[in-house]
Amino acid sequence: MSETLHFAEHRLQEMALVFMAVVYILRVRWLMKFKAGRDRQAPTGNSTLRRGILYSWFIIARPGAMESTRAKPFLYAQFVIFHLGVTAAILMSFIIPYASGLMSRPAATVIFQVFIGAAFIVAVMRIVRRAGNKYLRAISTPDDYFSLGLLAVWFLFAFLAASNQPQRGETFLLIYFYMTAFFLVYVPFSKISHYLYYPFTRFYFGRTMGHRGVYPMSARK
């Protein structure tokens, strides 16, 4: 392993992770300064804040509970595949430096490439859909296209890096790790950081809907 690759796998990733953690801590501290107002509506007979919050947090795993996913299950499947691919590509950035023996197993390589390759296809489909749908174009920002395009390229090099052998050189691994480090620095300032807000927004929404007796949905029966 060259010194450049060792730096990319270890020191560069560590610095990028620390930077991202610091930014997220500052943003969470900022978010915690804002207190949500109380619901002015009186609680119903089915009011249950705790169950409402839990239902809201985990509704993403219940596509049948949301009209949007019931009507368009194919888009929900894309969502699942895309995020599984992101998880696999991130996990690989830790496995290669610290548990490289795992990636030398053909079965592990195939599993990672299946998830990441499928996510690459979904990323390309999302770019085409966003550019081709006039409604999505109207609400899209340059960051949407840049993030999606960059993710697609990242998936591609993660796919190639998963089976990278020493005799093939270090090009794919270097590009993958440098792109991973860039994402760690860029994500906190992009729309990709929406996952940071998910626990907060779903907490307050679930609390309100639980207070009103709407969440969980079964409580209305």
Protein backbone atom coordinates (compact mmCIF):
# COMPACT_ATOMS: atom_id res chain seq x y z
CA MET A 1 0.00 0.00 0.00
CA SER A 2 1.33 3.41 -0.94
CA GLU A 3 1.59 6.28 1.54
CA THR A 4 -1.02 8.18 -0.46
CA LEU A 5 -3.57 5.39 -0.14
CA HIS A 6 -2.79 4.90 3.55
CA PHE A 7 -3.38 8.62 4.13
CA ALA A 8 -6.65 8.51 2.17
CA GLU A 9 -7.93 5.46 4.07
CA HIS A 10 -6.96 6.61 7.54
CA ARG A 11 -5.87 10.17 8.33
CA LEU A 12 -8.03 11.86 5.69
CA GLN A 13 -11.16 9.94 6.70
CA GLU A 14 -10.51 10.61 10.37
CA MET A 15 -10.14 14.35 9.81
CA ALA A 16 -13.28 14.45 7.68
CA LEU A 17 -15.28 12.49 10.27
CA VAL A 18 -14.17 14.81 13.06
CA PHE A 19 -15.10 17.84 10.98
CA MET A 20 -18.55 16.43 10.21
CA ALA A 21 -19.12 15.53 13.87
CA VAL A 22 -18.21 19.05 15.02
CA VAL A 23 -20.54 20.65 12.47
CA TYR A 24 -23.40 18.32 13.43
CA ILE A 25 -22.90 18.99 17.14
CA LEU A 26 -23.09 22.73 16.50
CA ARG A 27 -26.19 22.34 14.38
CA VAL A 28 -27.95 20.13 16.92
CA ARG A 29 -27.13 22.64 19.67
CA TRP A 30 -28.64 25.35 17.49
CA LEU A 31 -31.76 23.25 16.86
CA MET A 32 -32.22 22.61 20.57
CA LYS A 33 -32.55 26.36 21.18
CA PHE A 34 -35.97 26.34 19.53
CA LYS A 35 -38.82 25.02 21.64
CA ALA A 36 -41.99 23.86 19.95
CA GLY A 37 -45.20 25.52 21.09
CA ARG A 38 -47.93 23.58 22.82
CA ASP A 39 -50.86 22.25 20.89
CA ARG A 40 -53.83 24.53 21.41
CA GLN A 41 -56.33 21.78 20.70
CA ALA A 42 -57.56 19.82 23.69
CA PRO A 43 -56.39 16.17 23.81
CA THR A 44 -58.85 13.59 22.59
CA GLY A 45 -59.91 10.42 24.36
CA ASN A 46 -57.31 8.52 22.32
CA SER A 47 -54.49 10.95 23.10
CA THR A 48 -51.14 9.15 23.51
CA LEU A 49 -47.97 11.21 23.05
CA ARG A 50 -45.43 8.41 23.48
CA ARG A 51 -47.09 6.05 21.01
CA GLY A 52 -47.66 8.91 18.60
CA ILE A 53 -43.98 9.82 18.63
CA LEU A 54 -42.84 6.22 18.16
CA TYR A 55 -45.34 5.71 15.35
CA SER A 56 -44.10 8.87 13.63
CA TRP A 57 -40.44 7.87 13.93
CA PHE A 58 -40.93 4.41 12.45
CA ILE A 59 -43.62 5.17 9.88
CA ILE A 60 -40.89 5.19 7.24
CA ALA A 61 -40.71 1.40 7.67
CA ARG A 62 -44.47 1.08 7.15
CA PRO A 63 -45.10 2.04 3.52
CA GLY A 64 -48.71 0.90 3.77
CA ALA A 65 -49.39 3.60 6.35
CA MET A 66 -48.53 6.43 3.93
CA GLU A 67 -50.68 7.29 0.94
CA SER A 68 -47.68 8.37 -1.13
CA THR A 69 -45.98 4.98 -0.81
CA ARG A 70 -49.21 3.02 -1.20
CA ALA A 71 -49.86 4.78 -4.50
CA LYS A 72 -46.26 4.51 -5.75
CA PRO A 73 -44.63 1.38 -4.30
CA PHE A 74 -41.93 1.39 -7.00
CA LEU A 75 -40.63 4.74 -5.73
CA TYR A 76 -40.57 3.38 -2.19
CA ALA A 77 -38.56 0.38 -3.43
CA GLN A 78 -36.12 2.81 -5.03
CA PHE A 79 -35.88 4.68 -1.73
CA VAL A 80 -35.00 1.47 0.14
CA ILE A 81 -32.44 0.32 -2.45
CA PHE A 82 -30.82 3.76 -2.61
CA HIS A 83 -30.35 4.05 1.14
CA LEU A 84 -29.15 0.46 1.50
CA GLY A 85 -26.53 1.29 -1.11
CA VAL A 86 -25.49 4.41 0.81
CA THR A 87 -25.17 2.32 3.97
CA ALA A 88 -23.09 -0.31 2.19
CA ALA A 89 -20.77 2.28 0.62
CA ILE A 90 -20.23 4.02 3.97
CA LEU A 91 -19.68 0.71 5.78
CA MET A 92 -17.10 -0.28 3.20
CA SER A 93 -15.06 2.85 3.99
CA PHE A 94 -14.54 1.42 7.49
CA ILE A 95 -14.15 -2.23 6.51
CA ILE A 96 -11.39 -1.73 3.94
CA PRO A 97 -8.99 0.09 6.32
CA TYR A 98 -9.80 -1.76 9.53
CA ALA A 99 -11.08 -5.20 8.45
CA SER A 100 -9.62 -5.67 5.01
CA GLY A 101 -9.73 -9.44 5.31
CA LEU A 102 -13.51 -9.35 4.98
CA MET A 103 -13.37 -7.70 1.56
CA SER A 104 -11.01 -10.41 0.31
CA ARG A 105 -13.86 -12.90 0.54
CA PRO A 106 -15.67 -13.24 -2.81
CA ALA A 107 -19.09 -13.52 -1.15
CA ALA A 108 -18.61 -10.23 0.73
CA THR A 109 -17.46 -8.49 -2.43
CA VAL A 110 -20.52 -9.69 -4.33
CA ILE A 111 -22.91 -8.58 -1.57
CA PHE A 112 -21.43 -5.08 -1.43
CA GLN A 113 -21.39 -4.77 -5.21
CA VAL A 114 -25.03 -5.89 -5.51
CA PHE A 115 -26.25 -3.25 -3.05
CA ILE A 116 -23.98 -0.48 -4.32
CA GLY A 117 -24.56 -1.32 -7.99
CA ALA A 118 -28.34 -1.29 -7.49
CA ALA A 119 -28.05 2.07 -5.71
CA PHE A 120 -26.05 3.43 -8.66
CA ILE A 121 -28.84 2.45 -11.05
CA VAL A 122 -31.44 4.09 -8.79
CA ALA A 123 -29.32 7.26 -8.56
CA VAL A 124 -29.20 7.51 -12.36
CA MET A 125 -32.96 6.90 -12.53
CA ARG A 126 -33.54 9.67 -9.99
CA ILE A 127 -31.43 12.11 -11.99
CA VAL A 128 -33.38 11.30 -15.16
CA ARG A 129 -36.71 11.58 -13.33
CA ARG A 130 -35.80 14.90 -11.72
CA ALA A 131 -34.62 16.38 -15.01
CA GLY A 132 -37.51 14.95 -17.03
CA ASN A 133 -40.42 15.78 -14.72
CA LYS A 134 -41.48 19.43 -15.03
CA TYR A 135 -42.87 19.48 -11.48
CA LEU A 136 -39.64 18.15 -9.99
CA ARG A 137 -37.61 20.55 -12.11
CA ALA A 138 -39.62 23.46 -10.72
CA ILE A 139 -38.70 22.65 -7.12
CA SER A 140 -35.16 21.42 -7.74
CA THR A 141 -32.05 23.41 -6.84
CA PRO A 142 -28.51 23.11 -8.22
CA ASP A 143 -27.62 21.26 -5.01
CA ASP A 144 -30.19 18.56 -5.85
CA TYR A 145 -28.56 17.81 -9.19
CA PHE A 146 -25.02 18.16 -7.85
CA SER A 147 -25.69 15.86 -4.88
CA LEU A 148 -27.41 13.20 -6.97
CA GLY A 149 -24.76 13.31 -9.68
CA LEU A 150 -21.94 13.12 -7.17
CA LEU A 151 -23.63 10.23 -5.35
CA ALA A 152 -23.97 8.34 -8.63
CA VAL A 153 -20.24 8.77 -9.34
CA TRP A 154 -19.42 7.79 -5.74
CA PHE A 155 -21.50 4.62 -6.07
CA LEU A 156 -19.68 3.79 -9.29
CA PHE A 157 -16.22 4.04 -7.73
CA ALA A 158 -17.38 2.29 -4.55
CA PHE A 159 -18.56 -0.57 -6.78
CA LEU A 160 -15.18 -0.70 -8.52
CA ALA A 161 -13.24 -0.34 -5.25
CA ALA A 162 -15.11 -3.26 -3.67
CA SER A 163 -13.27 -5.75 -5.88
CA ASN A 164 -10.09 -3.75 -6.33
CA GLN A 165 -7.03 -6.01 -6.36
CA PRO A 166 -3.46 -4.79 -5.69
CA GLN A 167 -2.34 -5.77 -9.18
CA ARG A 168 -4.95 -3.43 -10.67
CA GLY A 169 -3.41 -0.41 -8.99
CA GLU A 170 -4.87 1.95 -6.42
CA THR A 171 -6.77 4.36 -8.66
CA PHE A 172 -10.30 3.18 -7.84
CA LEU A 173 -9.58 3.01 -4.11
CA LEU A 174 -8.01 6.48 -4.07
CA ILE A 175 -10.93 8.06 -5.91
CA TYR A 176 -13.43 6.29 -3.67
CA PHE A 177 -11.75 7.37 -0.43
CA TYR A 178 -11.17 10.95 -1.55
CA MET A 179 -14.80 11.20 -2.62
CA THR A 180 -15.91 9.71 0.70
CA ALA A 181 -13.89 12.34 2.57
CA PHE A 182 -15.38 15.08 0.41
CA PHE A 183 -18.89 13.87 1.19
CA LEU A 184 -18.18 13.87 4.92
CA VAL A 185 -17.25 17.55 4.67
CA TYR A 186 -19.91 18.54 2.13
CA VAL A 187 -22.98 16.69 3.45
CA PRO A 188 -23.57 18.83 6.58
CA PHE A 189 -23.98 21.87 4.31
CA SER A 190 -26.12 20.17 1.65
CA LYS A 191 -29.69 18.93 1.40
CA ILE A 192 -28.37 15.41 1.99
CA SER A 193 -28.26 16.34 5.68
CA HIS A 194 -32.06 16.03 5.81
CA TYR A 195 -31.57 12.87 7.89
CA LEU A 196 -30.26 15.07 10.69
CA TYR A 197 -33.64 16.76 10.97
CA TYR A 198 -35.72 13.59 10.64
CA PRO A 199 -35.75 12.65 14.37
CA PHE A 200 -36.69 16.21 15.35
CA THR A 201 -39.40 16.84 12.78
CA ARG A 202 -40.98 13.41 13.25
CA PHE A 203 -40.82 13.82 17.05
CA TYR A 204 -42.80 17.06 17.01
CA PHE A 205 -45.19 15.83 14.33
CA GLY A 206 -45.79 12.56 16.19
CA ARG A 207 -46.28 14.41 19.47
CA THR A 208 -48.89 16.67 17.90
CA MET A 209 -50.71 13.85 16.11
CA GLY A 210 -50.55 11.71 19.25
CA HIS A 211 -51.98 14.58 21.29
CA ARG A 212 -54.87 14.82 18.84
CA GLY A 213 -55.46 11.06 18.87
CA VAL A 214 -54.51 10.66 15.19
CA TYR A 215 -51.28 8.68 15.72
CA PRO A 216 -51.07 5.72 15.84
CA MET A 217 -53.60 5.27 13.07
CA SER A 218 -55.12 2.20 14.76
CA ALA A 219 -56.04 4.34 17.78
CA ARG A 220 -58.88 5.82 15.76
CA LYS A 221 -60.62 2.49 15.32
